[in-house]
Amino acid sequence: MLRIIMTAFWMVFLAELGDKTQLQTMLLATQSKSRLGVFIGASLALSLSALLGVVAGTHITKYISPHYLQLGAGVAFIIIGVLTLLGKI
């Protein structure tokens, strides 16, 4: 179990570094007098998001193969990347 915890930790930690959510949280912290409040709110949001991902992933894989989910996620990321490069997002 420790191995999956560490894998999940590093995967999420590295994926979140420098993303829009982290930048937005940094901006909110600069505008707020309660940095602890920003930290708690952002932490709760990330935890809830992770919980939804685990619950949804558990239920979706009962109906759709993980292979197809991975393929769909990859295609979606490519589309988002292309749209970002074209300035559409």
N, C-alpha and C. Protein backbone atom coordinates (compact mmCIF):
# COMPACT_ATOMS: atom_id res chain seq x y z
N MET A 1 0.83 -1.20 0.00
CA MET A 1 0.00 0.00 0.00
C MET A 1 0.87 1.26 0.00
N LEU A 2 1.99 1.23 0.69
CA LEU A 2 2.87 2.40 0.72
C LEU A 2 3.34 2.75 -0.69
N ARG A 3 3.58 1.74 -1.49
CA ARG A 3 4.05 1.99 -2.86
C ARG A 3 3.00 2.76 -3.67
N ILE A 4 1.73 2.36 -3.58
CA ILE A 4 0.70 3.06 -4.35
C ILE A 4 0.48 4.47 -3.80
N ILE A 5 0.63 4.63 -2.49
CA ILE A 5 0.50 5.97 -1.90
C ILE A 5 1.60 6.88 -2.46
N MET A 6 2.81 6.40 -2.47
CA MET A 6 3.93 7.21 -2.98
C MET A 6 3.79 7.47 -4.48
N THR A 7 3.34 6.47 -5.23
CA THR A 7 3.13 6.66 -6.66
C THR A 7 2.07 7.73 -6.91
N ALA A 8 0.95 7.63 -6.20
CA ALA A 8 -0.12 8.62 -6.36
C ALA A 8 0.36 10.01 -5.93
N PHE A 9 1.08 10.07 -4.82
CA PHE A 9 1.58 11.36 -4.33
C PHE A 9 2.46 12.03 -5.39
N TRP A 10 3.47 11.33 -5.87
CA TRP A 10 4.40 11.94 -6.81
C TRP A 10 3.74 12.24 -8.15
N MET A 11 2.84 11.39 -8.59
CA MET A 11 2.15 11.63 -9.84
C MET A 11 1.32 12.91 -9.78
N VAL A 12 0.55 13.06 -8.71
CA VAL A 12 -0.29 14.26 -8.56
C VAL A 12 0.56 15.48 -8.28
N PHE A 13 1.54 15.33 -7.39
CA PHE A 13 2.41 16.46 -7.04
C PHE A 13 3.10 17.03 -8.28
N LEU A 14 3.71 16.18 -9.07
CA LEU A 14 4.42 16.66 -10.26
C LEU A 14 3.46 17.20 -11.32
N ALA A 15 2.29 16.58 -11.45
CA ALA A 15 1.32 17.05 -12.44
C ALA A 15 0.76 18.43 -12.07
N GLU A 16 0.67 18.71 -10.78
CA GLU A 16 0.07 19.97 -10.33
C GLU A 16 1.07 21.13 -10.30
N LEU A 17 2.37 20.84 -10.32
CA LEU A 17 3.35 21.92 -10.28
C LEU A 17 3.23 22.81 -11.50
N GLY A 18 3.04 24.09 -11.26
CA GLY A 18 3.00 25.05 -12.35
C GLY A 18 1.75 25.05 -13.19
N ASP A 19 0.72 24.31 -12.79
CA ASP A 19 -0.51 24.32 -13.60
C ASP A 19 -1.34 25.55 -13.24
N LYS A 20 -2.44 25.72 -13.95
CA LYS A 20 -3.28 26.91 -13.74
C LYS A 20 -3.84 26.98 -12.33
N THR A 21 -4.14 25.83 -11.75
CA THR A 21 -4.70 25.82 -10.40
C THR A 21 -3.67 26.33 -9.40
N GLN A 22 -2.44 25.89 -9.52
CA GLN A 22 -1.40 26.36 -8.59
C GLN A 22 -1.15 27.86 -8.78
N LEU A 23 -1.11 28.30 -10.01
CA LEU A 23 -0.90 29.73 -10.25
C LEU A 23 -2.05 30.56 -9.70
N GLN A 24 -3.27 30.08 -9.85
CA GLN A 24 -4.43 30.79 -9.33
C GLN A 24 -4.40 30.83 -7.80
N THR A 25 -3.98 29.73 -7.20
CA THR A 25 -3.87 29.68 -5.74
C THR A 25 -2.81 30.65 -5.25
N MET A 26 -1.70 30.73 -5.98
CA MET A 26 -0.64 31.69 -5.62
C MET A 26 -1.18 33.13 -5.69
N LEU A 27 -1.93 33.42 -6.75
CA LEU A 27 -2.51 34.75 -6.91
C LEU A 27 -3.48 35.06 -5.78
N LEU A 28 -4.33 34.09 -5.44
CA LEU A 28 -5.28 34.29 -4.35
C LEU A 28 -4.56 34.53 -3.03
N ALA A 29 -3.47 33.82 -2.80
CA ALA A 29 -2.70 33.99 -1.56
C ALA A 29 -2.11 35.40 -1.48
N THR A 30 -1.72 35.97 -2.61
CA THR A 30 -1.16 37.32 -2.58
C THR A 30 -2.23 38.37 -2.31
N GLN A 31 -3.49 38.06 -2.62
CA GLN A 31 -4.57 39.01 -2.46
C GLN A 31 -5.33 38.83 -1.15
N SER A 32 -4.99 37.80 -0.40
CA SER A 32 -5.74 37.47 0.80
C SER A 32 -4.92 37.75 2.05
N LYS A 33 -5.60 38.14 3.11
CA LYS A 33 -4.93 38.31 4.40
C LYS A 33 -4.85 36.98 5.14
N SER A 34 -5.59 35.98 4.68
CA SER A 34 -5.61 34.69 5.34
C SER A 34 -4.99 33.63 4.44
N ARG A 35 -3.67 33.54 4.50
CA ARG A 35 -2.99 32.53 3.69
C ARG A 35 -3.36 31.13 4.16
N LEU A 36 -3.61 30.98 5.45
CA LEU A 36 -4.03 29.68 5.97
C LEU A 36 -5.39 29.31 5.38
N GLY A 37 -6.28 30.27 5.25
CA GLY A 37 -7.59 30.02 4.65
C GLY A 37 -7.47 29.59 3.20
N VAL A 38 -6.56 30.23 2.45
CA VAL A 38 -6.33 29.84 1.06
C VAL A 38 -5.78 28.42 1.02
N PHE A 39 -4.83 28.11 1.90
CA PHE A 39 -4.25 26.77 1.93
C PHE A 39 -5.31 25.73 2.26
N ILE A 40 -6.12 25.98 3.27
CA ILE A 40 -7.15 25.01 3.66
C ILE A 40 -8.17 24.83 2.54
N GLY A 41 -8.63 25.92 1.96
CA GLY A 41 -9.61 25.84 0.88
C GLY A 41 -9.06 25.09 -0.33
N ALA A 42 -7.83 25.41 -0.72
CA ALA A 42 -7.22 24.75 -1.87
C ALA A 42 -6.97 23.27 -1.57
N SER A 43 -6.55 22.96 -0.36
CA SER A 43 -6.30 21.57 0.03
C SER A 43 -7.59 20.76 0.01
N LEU A 44 -8.66 21.34 0.54
CA LEU A 44 -9.95 20.64 0.53
C LEU A 44 -10.44 20.42 -0.90
N ALA A 45 -10.25 21.42 -1.75
CA ALA A 45 -10.68 21.29 -3.14
C ALA A 45 -9.91 20.19 -3.86
N LEU A 46 -8.60 20.14 -3.65
CA LEU A 46 -7.79 19.10 -4.29
C LEU A 46 -8.16 17.72 -3.75
N SER A 47 -8.42 17.65 -2.45
CA SER A 47 -8.82 16.37 -1.85
C SER A 47 -10.16 15.89 -2.40
N LEU A 48 -11.12 16.81 -2.51
CA LEU A 48 -12.43 16.45 -3.06
C LEU A 48 -12.31 16.03 -4.52
N SER A 49 -11.49 16.75 -5.27
CA SER A 49 -11.27 16.40 -6.67
C SER A 49 -10.66 15.00 -6.79
N ALA A 50 -9.70 14.70 -5.94
CA ALA A 50 -9.08 13.36 -5.95
C ALA A 50 -10.10 12.30 -5.56
N LEU A 51 -10.93 12.59 -4.56
CA LEU A 51 -11.96 11.64 -4.14
C LEU A 51 -12.93 11.35 -5.29
N LEU A 52 -13.36 12.39 -5.97
CA LEU A 52 -14.26 12.20 -7.12
C LEU A 52 -13.60 11.37 -8.21
N GLY A 53 -12.30 11.60 -8.43
CA GLY A 53 -11.58 10.82 -9.43
C GLY A 53 -11.51 9.35 -9.07
N VAL A 54 -11.25 9.06 -7.79
CA VAL A 54 -11.17 7.67 -7.34
C VAL A 54 -12.54 7.00 -7.45
N VAL A 55 -13.58 7.67 -6.96
CA VAL A 55 -14.93 7.10 -7.00
C VAL A 55 -15.39 6.91 -8.44
N ALA A 56 -15.21 7.93 -9.26
CA ALA A 56 -15.64 7.83 -10.66
C ALA A 56 -14.84 6.74 -11.38
N GLY A 57 -13.54 6.71 -11.16
CA GLY A 57 -12.71 5.70 -11.81
C GLY A 57 -13.10 4.30 -11.41
N THR A 58 -13.45 4.11 -10.15
CA THR A 58 -13.86 2.80 -9.67
C THR A 58 -15.15 2.34 -10.35
N HIS A 59 -16.10 3.25 -10.48
CA HIS A 59 -17.39 2.88 -11.06
C HIS A 59 -17.35 2.81 -12.59
N ILE A 60 -16.63 3.71 -13.22
CA ILE A 60 -16.58 3.74 -14.69
C ILE A 60 -15.92 2.49 -15.23
N THR A 61 -14.88 2.00 -14.54
CA THR A 61 -14.17 0.82 -15.06
C THR A 61 -15.01 -0.45 -14.98
N LYS A 62 -16.14 -0.39 -14.31
CA LYS A 62 -17.07 -1.54 -14.32
C LYS A 62 -17.75 -1.65 -15.68
N TYR A 63 -17.82 -0.53 -16.41
CA TYR A 63 -18.55 -0.49 -17.68
C TYR A 63 -17.64 -0.25 -18.89
N ILE A 64 -16.53 0.42 -18.65
CA ILE A 64 -15.63 0.77 -19.75
C ILE A 64 -14.23 0.27 -19.39
N SER A 65 -13.56 -0.35 -20.33
CA SER A 65 -12.22 -0.88 -20.13
C SER A 65 -11.24 0.26 -19.78
N PRO A 66 -10.36 0.04 -18.80
CA PRO A 66 -9.34 1.06 -18.49
C PRO A 66 -8.51 1.45 -19.71
N HIS A 67 -8.32 0.51 -20.62
CA HIS A 67 -7.57 0.81 -21.85
C HIS A 67 -8.27 1.91 -22.64
N TYR A 68 -9.59 1.81 -22.80
CA TYR A 68 -10.33 2.82 -23.54
C TYR A 68 -10.38 4.15 -22.80
N LEU A 69 -10.44 4.10 -21.48
CA LEU A 69 -10.39 5.34 -20.69
C LEU A 69 -9.05 6.05 -20.87
N GLN A 70 -7.97 5.27 -20.84
CA GLN A 70 -6.64 5.84 -21.03
C GLN A 70 -6.50 6.43 -22.43
N LEU A 71 -7.00 5.71 -23.41
CA LEU A 71 -6.97 6.19 -24.79
C LEU A 71 -7.77 7.48 -24.94
N GLY A 72 -8.96 7.51 -24.36
CA GLY A 72 -9.80 8.71 -24.42
C GLY A 72 -9.15 9.89 -23.73
N ALA A 73 -8.54 9.65 -22.58
CA ALA A 73 -7.86 10.73 -21.86
C ALA A 73 -6.69 11.26 -22.68
N GLY A 74 -5.95 10.37 -23.31
CA GLY A 74 -4.83 10.79 -24.14
C GLY A 74 -5.28 11.65 -25.32
N VAL A 75 -6.34 11.23 -25.97
CA VAL A 75 -6.88 11.99 -27.10
C VAL A 75 -7.38 13.36 -26.62
N ALA A 76 -8.06 13.38 -25.48
CA ALA A 76 -8.56 14.65 -24.95
C ALA A 76 -7.42 15.61 -24.63
N PHE A 77 -6.32 15.09 -24.04
CA PHE A 77 -5.17 15.95 -23.74
C PHE A 77 -4.53 16.49 -25.02
N ILE A 78 -4.45 15.66 -26.04
CA ILE A 78 -3.89 16.13 -27.31
C ILE A 78 -4.75 17.23 -27.91
N ILE A 79 -6.06 17.03 -27.90
CA ILE A 79 -6.99 18.05 -28.43
C ILE A 79 -6.85 19.35 -27.63
N ILE A 80 -6.81 19.25 -26.31
CA ILE A 80 -6.65 20.45 -25.48
C ILE A 80 -5.33 21.14 -25.78
N GLY A 81 -4.26 20.35 -25.97
CA GLY A 81 -2.96 20.93 -26.30
C GLY A 81 -2.97 21.67 -27.62
N VAL A 82 -3.58 21.05 -28.62
CA VAL A 82 -3.65 21.69 -29.94
C VAL A 82 -4.48 22.98 -29.86
N LEU A 83 -5.61 22.92 -29.18
CA LEU A 83 -6.45 24.12 -29.02
C LEU A 83 -5.71 25.21 -28.27
N THR A 84 -4.93 24.82 -27.28
CA THR A 84 -4.14 25.81 -26.53
C THR A 84 -3.09 26.45 -27.44
N LEU A 85 -2.40 25.65 -28.23
CA LEU A 85 -1.40 26.19 -29.15
C LEU A 85 -2.02 27.12 -30.18
N LEU A 86 -3.25 26.83 -30.58
CA LEU A 86 -3.95 27.67 -31.57
C LEU A 86 -4.60 28.89 -30.93
N GLY A 87 -4.51 29.01 -29.62
CA GLY A 87 -5.09 30.16 -28.93
C GLY A 87 -6.59 30.09 -28.77
N LYS A 88 -7.16 28.92 -28.89
CA LYS A 88 -8.62 28.77 -28.77
C LYS A 88 -9.05 28.57 -27.31
N ILE A 89 -8.11 28.24 -26.45
CA ILE A 89 -8.43 28.05 -25.02
C ILE A 89 -7.65 29.06 -24.22
